Amino acid sequence: MSFAAELVTIILSSSISLSIILYFAVGALLYSIVLTRRTYLRAAKVTASASYQKERKTNTVNYEGEQWFHNMEPADTVLLSGRNDHLHGYTIPAPVPSDRWVICLHGYTGAPDMMGPFGQKFHHAGFNTLYPALRGHENSEQKTISMGWHDRLDIIDWCRFIIKQNARAQIVLFGVSMGASTAMMASGEDLPAEVRCIIADCGFSSVWEIFAVQIKRYARLPAKPFLLPIYTMALMIDRLDIKAASCVRQVRKSRTPTLFIHGDADELIPHAMMDDLFSAAGCEKEKLLVRHGRHGESANAAPELYWSTVRSFISRKMAQPQAV
């Protein structure tokens, strides 16, 4: 081999090696930014700041709901999952003994107490409420965030936990944002018959699609070159396939009645995703598009419409004979 040919081979080999190193370095960095516990901790630091809390108080409904959650002194609740993980959450019993339960699922970088405004409504309506800390968030022992995909199996364990202590339980899965997607992902699995219905408020259609939307919207970059490194690292670190983590695929298999809700002014998750989910769903289904509803704020944009729709849907589905 001539010196020139040998030099070209060395350069090409070095370029390939550098490309591989760069690929994994970028993947590790992006993964750390969006799918690890550090993501939640950064957000929690912001929400704990005095300036954020001052602004939060201006949103009376949300602030008072979170304060209600803490004032109720919810019971720390821990269970061992079917995958030998300790799952953490909180329980607030109904005002009077009841067989009706709502599992309230928080959003990305959120925490159980942020579901307080919703839990308060259900509590006053006579429901027991359970608030899991999703993976990588709050008291969760898991160090990674799965955007609901691994959590979907944890939700089944939470349902079984409720049924074990309350054999006549009737359960509603209620989630907002990533919590809604978690509930929809669970719907494609073998949910216990005691789960009577699902309320999915502003969920995304798939992990890949919502990341693609965010990258394009906020960084003005094409999805594939930047999602592929995250895809690789998620598979390697957490066995999370962000392409397979699809709510659309899961609701297609679902037999659990589902109410899809979205605000038409959602700035984070396009409301068109609700139409994709609704069209795909193989279960009994209804949908509600809330005018002027921003992300996670549909209940505040149109409270009477929102809660009358939710109450009516739950009441009708709980009145139906339980599937065997």
Protein backbone atom coordinates (compact mmCIF):
# COMPACT_ATOMS: atom_id res chain seq x y z
CA MET A 1 0.00 0.00 0.00
CA SER A 2 1.35 3.42 -0.92
CA PHE A 3 1.96 6.11 1.68
CA ALA A 4 -0.94 8.19 0.25
CA ALA A 5 -3.37 5.28 0.43
CA GLU A 6 -2.26 4.47 3.96
CA LEU A 7 -2.74 8.10 4.98
CA VAL A 8 -6.27 8.14 3.52
CA THR A 9 -7.11 4.94 5.42
CA ILE A 10 -5.85 6.44 8.68
CA ILE A 11 -7.83 9.65 8.13
CA LEU A 12 -11.01 7.75 7.28
CA SER A 13 -10.62 5.47 10.30
CA SER A 14 -10.01 8.47 12.55
CA SER A 15 -13.02 10.29 11.10
CA ILE A 16 -15.27 7.29 11.68
CA SER A 17 -13.98 6.88 15.24
CA LEU A 18 -14.51 10.57 15.96
CA SER A 19 -18.02 10.43 14.47
CA ILE A 20 -18.93 7.49 16.69
CA ILE A 21 -17.50 9.20 19.77
CA LEU A 22 -19.36 12.42 18.91
CA TYR A 23 -22.61 10.50 18.30
CA PHE A 24 -22.53 8.88 21.74
CA ALA A 25 -21.32 12.05 23.44
CA VAL A 26 -24.22 14.04 21.99
CA GLY A 27 -26.62 11.23 22.85
CA ALA A 28 -25.41 11.08 26.46
CA LEU A 29 -25.70 14.85 26.84
CA LEU A 30 -29.19 15.09 25.36
CA TYR A 31 -30.36 12.04 27.30
CA SER A 32 -29.11 13.61 30.53
CA ILE A 33 -30.95 16.83 29.72
CA VAL A 34 -34.35 15.29 28.97
CA LEU A 35 -34.64 11.79 30.45
CA THR A 36 -32.91 11.61 33.81
CA ARG A 37 -33.77 12.55 37.36
CA ARG A 38 -31.59 15.64 36.92
CA THR A 39 -34.29 16.95 34.58
CA TYR A 40 -36.86 16.82 37.39
CA LEU A 41 -34.44 18.25 39.96
CA ARG A 42 -33.66 21.24 37.74
CA ALA A 43 -37.38 21.92 37.32
CA ALA A 44 -38.02 21.42 41.04
CA LYS A 45 -35.35 24.02 41.85
CA VAL A 46 -37.14 26.53 39.64
CA THR A 47 -40.58 25.82 41.13
CA ALA A 48 -39.17 26.18 44.65
CA SER A 49 -37.81 29.66 43.92
CA ALA A 50 -39.47 32.69 45.52
CA SER A 51 -40.20 34.30 42.14
CA TYR A 52 -41.96 31.19 40.84
CA GLN A 53 -44.00 30.78 44.01
CA LYS A 54 -45.04 34.43 43.85
CA GLU A 55 -46.24 33.97 40.28
CA ARG A 56 -47.87 30.64 41.18
CA LYS A 57 -50.06 32.34 43.77
CA THR A 58 -51.64 34.41 41.01
CA ASN A 59 -53.09 31.18 39.58
CA THR A 60 -55.49 30.78 42.48
CA VAL A 61 -57.02 27.45 41.42
CA ASN A 62 -53.71 25.65 40.99
CA TYR A 63 -52.07 27.18 44.04
CA GLU A 64 -55.00 26.46 46.36
CA GLY A 65 -55.26 22.92 44.99
CA GLU A 66 -51.62 22.23 45.79
CA GLN A 67 -52.04 23.71 49.26
CA TRP A 68 -55.10 21.51 49.78
CA PHE A 69 -53.00 18.46 48.87
CA HIS A 70 -50.43 19.27 51.57
CA ASN A 71 -53.02 20.27 54.15
CA MET A 72 -54.70 16.87 53.74
CA GLU A 73 -51.42 15.28 54.91
CA PRO A 74 -51.58 12.46 52.33
CA ALA A 75 -50.31 9.09 53.49
CA ASP A 76 -46.97 7.96 52.08
CA THR A 77 -47.71 4.83 50.09
CA VAL A 78 -45.09 2.36 48.90
CA LEU A 79 -45.41 -0.93 47.05
CA LEU A 80 -43.10 -3.47 45.46
CA SER A 81 -43.79 -3.70 41.74
CA GLY A 82 -43.83 -6.80 39.59
CA ARG A 83 -40.35 -5.76 38.45
CA ASN A 84 -39.01 -5.59 42.04
CA ASP A 85 -38.97 -1.78 42.09
CA HIS A 86 -40.24 0.19 45.05
CA LEU A 87 -42.95 2.55 43.83
CA HIS A 88 -43.81 5.66 45.83
CA GLY A 89 -46.99 7.66 45.98
CA TYR A 90 -49.55 9.28 48.27
CA THR A 91 -53.10 8.37 49.25
CA ILE A 92 -55.92 10.63 50.39
CA PRO A 93 -59.03 8.71 51.52
CA ALA A 94 -62.52 9.81 50.55
CA PRO A 95 -64.44 11.96 53.07
CA VAL A 96 -66.60 8.91 53.82
CA PRO A 97 -65.76 5.24 53.05
CA SER A 98 -66.06 4.61 49.31
CA ASP A 99 -65.20 1.99 46.70
CA ARG A 100 -64.50 4.68 44.10
CA TRP A 101 -60.87 5.55 43.35
CA VAL A 102 -59.02 7.95 41.07
CA ILE A 103 -55.33 7.47 40.29
CA CYS A 104 -54.04 10.98 39.52
CA LEU A 105 -50.99 11.05 37.21
CA HIS A 106 -48.78 14.13 36.98
CA GLY A 107 -46.90 15.52 34.00
CA TYR A 108 -43.29 15.75 32.86
CA THR A 109 -41.05 17.36 35.53
CA GLY A 110 -44.12 17.64 37.74
CA ALA A 111 -44.90 16.00 41.07
CA PRO A 112 -47.90 14.40 42.82
CA ASP A 113 -48.85 17.63 44.61
CA MET A 114 -49.36 19.35 41.24
CA MET A 115 -52.38 17.06 40.80
CA GLY A 116 -53.91 18.62 43.92
CA PRO A 117 -56.34 20.89 42.01
CA PHE A 118 -57.80 17.81 40.30
CA GLY A 119 -57.61 15.57 43.34
CA GLN A 120 -59.49 18.14 45.39
CA LYS A 121 -62.41 17.98 42.97
CA PHE A 122 -62.50 14.20 43.08
CA HIS A 123 -62.17 14.16 46.87
CA HIS A 124 -65.16 16.45 47.26
CA ALA A 125 -67.08 14.17 44.87
CA GLY A 126 -66.48 11.24 47.22
CA PHE A 127 -63.47 9.50 45.66
CA ASN A 128 -60.37 8.06 47.27
CA THR A 129 -57.38 9.50 45.43
CA LEU A 130 -53.93 8.01 44.82
CA TYR A 131 -50.99 10.05 43.48
CA PRO A 132 -48.02 8.02 42.18
CA ALA A 133 -44.62 9.66 41.73
CA LEU A 134 -43.77 8.70 38.15
CA ARG A 135 -40.31 7.38 37.32
CA GLY A 136 -37.51 9.87 37.80
CA HIS A 137 -39.78 12.32 39.63
CA GLU A 138 -40.19 13.40 43.25
CA ASN A 139 -39.79 10.41 45.64
CA SER A 140 -39.41 7.85 42.86
CA GLU A 141 -36.34 5.64 43.39
CA GLN A 142 -35.81 5.31 39.63
CA LYS A 143 -33.14 7.60 38.16
CA THR A 144 -34.52 7.78 34.63
CA ILE A 145 -37.69 9.17 33.05
CA SER A 146 -39.55 6.90 30.62
CA MET A 147 -42.21 9.42 29.50
CA GLY A 148 -44.85 6.99 30.79
CA TRP A 149 -43.68 3.87 28.94
CA HIS A 150 -42.22 1.92 31.87
CA ASP A 151 -44.72 3.62 34.17
CA ARG A 152 -47.57 1.97 32.27
CA LEU A 153 -46.76 -1.32 34.01
CA ASP A 154 -46.35 0.43 37.36
CA ILE A 155 -49.89 1.77 36.99
CA ILE A 156 -51.21 -1.78 36.69
CA ASP A 157 -49.39 -2.60 39.95
CA TRP A 158 -51.01 0.43 41.60
CA CYS A 159 -54.42 -0.79 40.42
CA ARG A 160 -53.77 -4.23 41.89
CA PHE A 161 -52.63 -2.60 45.11
CA ILE A 162 -55.97 -0.79 45.38
CA ILE A 163 -57.96 -3.92 44.54
CA LYS A 164 -56.09 -5.96 47.13
CA GLN A 165 -57.25 -3.61 49.89
CA ASN A 166 -60.65 -2.82 48.35
CA ALA A 167 -62.09 -5.81 46.47
CA ARG A 168 -65.09 -3.80 45.25
CA ALA A 169 -63.00 -0.93 43.95
CA GLN A 170 -64.01 1.03 40.87
CA ILE A 171 -60.96 2.82 39.48
CA VAL A 172 -60.50 5.83 37.20
CA LEU A 173 -57.14 6.64 35.64
CA PHE A 174 -56.83 10.42 35.35
CA GLY A 175 -53.74 12.02 33.86
CA VAL A 176 -52.54 15.36 32.58
CA SER A 177 -49.85 15.73 29.89
CA MET A 178 -47.28 12.93 30.39
CA GLY A 179 -49.64 11.54 33.03
CA ALA A 180 -52.38 11.31 30.39
CA SER A 181 -50.00 9.50 28.07
CA THR A 182 -49.03 7.14 30.89
CA ALA A 183 -52.70 6.22 31.36
CA MET A 184 -53.15 5.71 27.62
CA MET A 185 -50.04 3.54 27.43
CA ALA A 186 -51.43 1.43 30.30
CA SER A 187 -54.73 1.07 28.44
CA GLY A 188 -53.08 -1.12 25.82
CA GLU A 189 -52.05 -3.65 28.47
CA ASP A 190 -54.16 -6.15 30.40
CA LEU A 191 -55.76 -3.67 32.79
CA PRO A 192 -57.85 -5.09 35.66
CA ALA A 193 -61.60 -4.99 35.00
CA GLU A 194 -61.93 -2.71 38.03
CA VAL A 195 -60.49 0.11 35.92
CA ARG A 196 -63.75 1.53 34.65
CA CYS A 197 -62.51 4.44 32.54
CA ILE A 198 -59.64 6.79 31.66
CA ILE A 199 -59.53 10.58 31.46
CA ALA A 200 -56.60 11.70 29.29
CA ASP A 201 -56.05 15.45 29.41
CA CYS A 202 -53.58 16.84 26.82
CA GLY A 203 -51.55 13.69 26.28
CA PHE A 204 -49.09 13.20 23.42
CA SER A 205 -49.39 10.64 20.63
CA SER A 206 -45.92 9.10 21.05
CA VAL A 207 -42.61 9.87 22.71
CA TRP A 208 -40.83 10.18 19.36
CA GLU A 209 -43.45 12.57 17.98
CA ILE A 210 -43.55 14.87 20.99
CA PHE A 211 -39.76 15.11 21.09
CA ALA A 212 -39.76 15.85 17.35
CA VAL A 213 -42.32 18.62 17.88
CA GLN A 214 -40.32 20.19 20.72
CA ILE A 215 -37.02 20.10 18.82
CA LYS A 216 -38.58 21.67 15.76
CA ARG A 217 -40.55 24.29 17.70
CA TYR A 218 -37.94 25.47 20.19
CA ALA A 219 -34.62 24.67 18.51
CA ARG A 220 -35.80 24.89 14.89
CA LEU A 221 -33.88 21.71 14.12
CA PRO A 222 -34.88 18.56 12.22
CA ALA A 223 -35.81 15.64 14.44
CA LYS A 224 -33.84 12.67 13.13
CA PRO A 225 -30.23 13.81 13.51
CA PHE A 226 -30.89 14.83 17.12
CA LEU A 227 -33.40 12.18 18.20
CA LEU A 228 -31.36 9.23 16.99
CA PRO A 229 -28.61 9.69 19.61
CA ILE A 230 -31.27 10.01 22.34
CA TYR A 231 -32.99 6.93 20.92
CA THR A 232 -29.74 4.95 21.15
CA MET A 233 -28.90 6.09 24.69
CA ALA A 234 -32.45 5.47 25.93
CA LEU A 235 -32.24 1.89 24.65
CA MET A 236 -28.82 1.34 26.19
CA ILE A 237 -29.47 2.96 29.57
CA ASP A 238 -33.14 2.33 30.26
CA ARG A 239 -34.29 -0.21 27.65
CA LEU A 240 -36.65 2.55 26.49
CA ASP A 241 -37.57 2.45 22.81
CA ILE A 242 -38.91 5.94 22.16
CA LYS A 243 -40.26 4.80 18.79
CA ALA A 244 -42.25 1.92 20.33
CA ALA A 245 -43.48 4.13 23.18
CA SER A 246 -46.62 5.10 21.32
CA CYS A 247 -49.97 6.03 22.84
CA VAL A 248 -51.58 5.64 19.41
CA ARG A 249 -50.55 2.00 19.24
CA GLN A 250 -51.64 1.38 22.81
CA VAL A 251 -55.11 2.95 22.57
CA ARG A 252 -55.68 0.94 19.40
CA LYS A 253 -55.60 -2.16 21.65
CA SER A 254 -57.56 -0.56 24.49
CA ARG A 255 -60.92 -1.77 25.70
CA THR A 256 -61.18 0.77 28.53
CA PRO A 257 -63.60 3.68 27.88
CA THR A 258 -61.58 6.86 27.44
CA LEU A 259 -62.38 10.56 27.46
CA PHE A 260 -59.80 12.55 25.50
CA ILE A 261 -59.45 16.24 26.46
CA HIS A 262 -57.25 18.93 24.93
CA GLY A 263 -57.10 22.71 24.80
CA ASP A 264 -57.03 24.38 21.41
CA ALA A 265 -54.38 26.86 22.65
CA ASP A 266 -51.98 24.19 23.93
CA GLU A 267 -48.49 25.58 23.39
CA LEU A 268 -46.59 22.36 24.20
CA ILE A 269 -48.55 19.40 22.80
CA PRO A 270 -50.47 20.07 19.56
CA HIS A 271 -54.19 19.46 20.00
CA ALA A 272 -54.15 17.63 16.65
CA MET A 273 -52.57 14.76 18.56
CA MET A 274 -55.90 14.26 20.33
CA ASP A 275 -57.56 13.64 16.97
CA ASP A 276 -54.92 11.03 16.10
CA LEU A 277 -55.49 9.30 19.44
CA PHE A 278 -59.27 9.48 19.21
CA SER A 279 -59.28 8.05 15.69
CA ALA A 280 -57.00 5.18 16.70
CA ALA A 281 -58.76 4.24 19.94
CA GLY A 282 -60.45 0.85 19.84
CA CYS A 283 -62.48 1.48 23.00
CA GLU A 284 -65.63 3.42 23.84
CA LYS A 285 -64.50 7.01 23.48
CA GLU A 286 -65.45 10.65 23.72
CA LYS A 287 -63.48 13.84 23.23
CA LEU A 288 -63.60 17.42 24.41
CA LEU A 289 -61.71 20.29 22.77
CA VAL A 290 -61.61 23.27 25.14
CA ARG A 291 -61.48 26.75 23.60
CA HIS A 292 -58.57 28.89 24.80
CA GLY A 293 -57.23 26.01 26.88
CA ARG A 294 -53.46 26.24 27.30
CA HIS A 295 -51.33 23.25 28.21
CA GLY A 296 -52.74 21.56 31.30
CA GLU A 297 -55.10 24.50 31.85
CA SER A 298 -58.31 23.34 30.17
CA ALA A 299 -59.97 22.85 33.57
CA ASN A 300 -59.27 26.51 34.36
CA ALA A 301 -60.20 27.81 30.90
CA ALA A 302 -63.70 26.31 31.01
CA PRO A 303 -64.28 24.83 34.48
CA GLU A 304 -68.01 24.19 34.20
CA LEU A 305 -67.74 22.48 30.80
CA TYR A 306 -64.65 20.55 31.83
CA TRP A 307 -65.94 19.15 35.09
CA SER A 308 -69.49 18.50 33.95
CA THR A 309 -68.07 16.48 31.04
CA VAL A 310 -65.68 14.55 33.31
CA ARG A 311 -68.34 13.85 35.95
CA SER A 312 -70.87 12.71 33.35
CA PHE A 313 -68.39 10.41 31.63
CA ILE A 314 -67.24 8.78 34.87
CA SER A 315 -70.79 8.39 36.18
CA ARG A 316 -71.98 6.68 33.00
CA LYS A 317 -69.01 4.32 32.79
CA MET A 318 -69.23 3.33 36.43
CA ALA A 319 -72.92 2.62 36.01
CA GLN A 320 -72.19 0.06 33.29
CA PRO A 321 -71.81 -3.61 34.30
CA GLN A 322 -68.18 -4.47 35.02
CA ALA A 323 -66.50 -6.46 32.27
CA VAL A 324 -65.58 -10.01 33.24
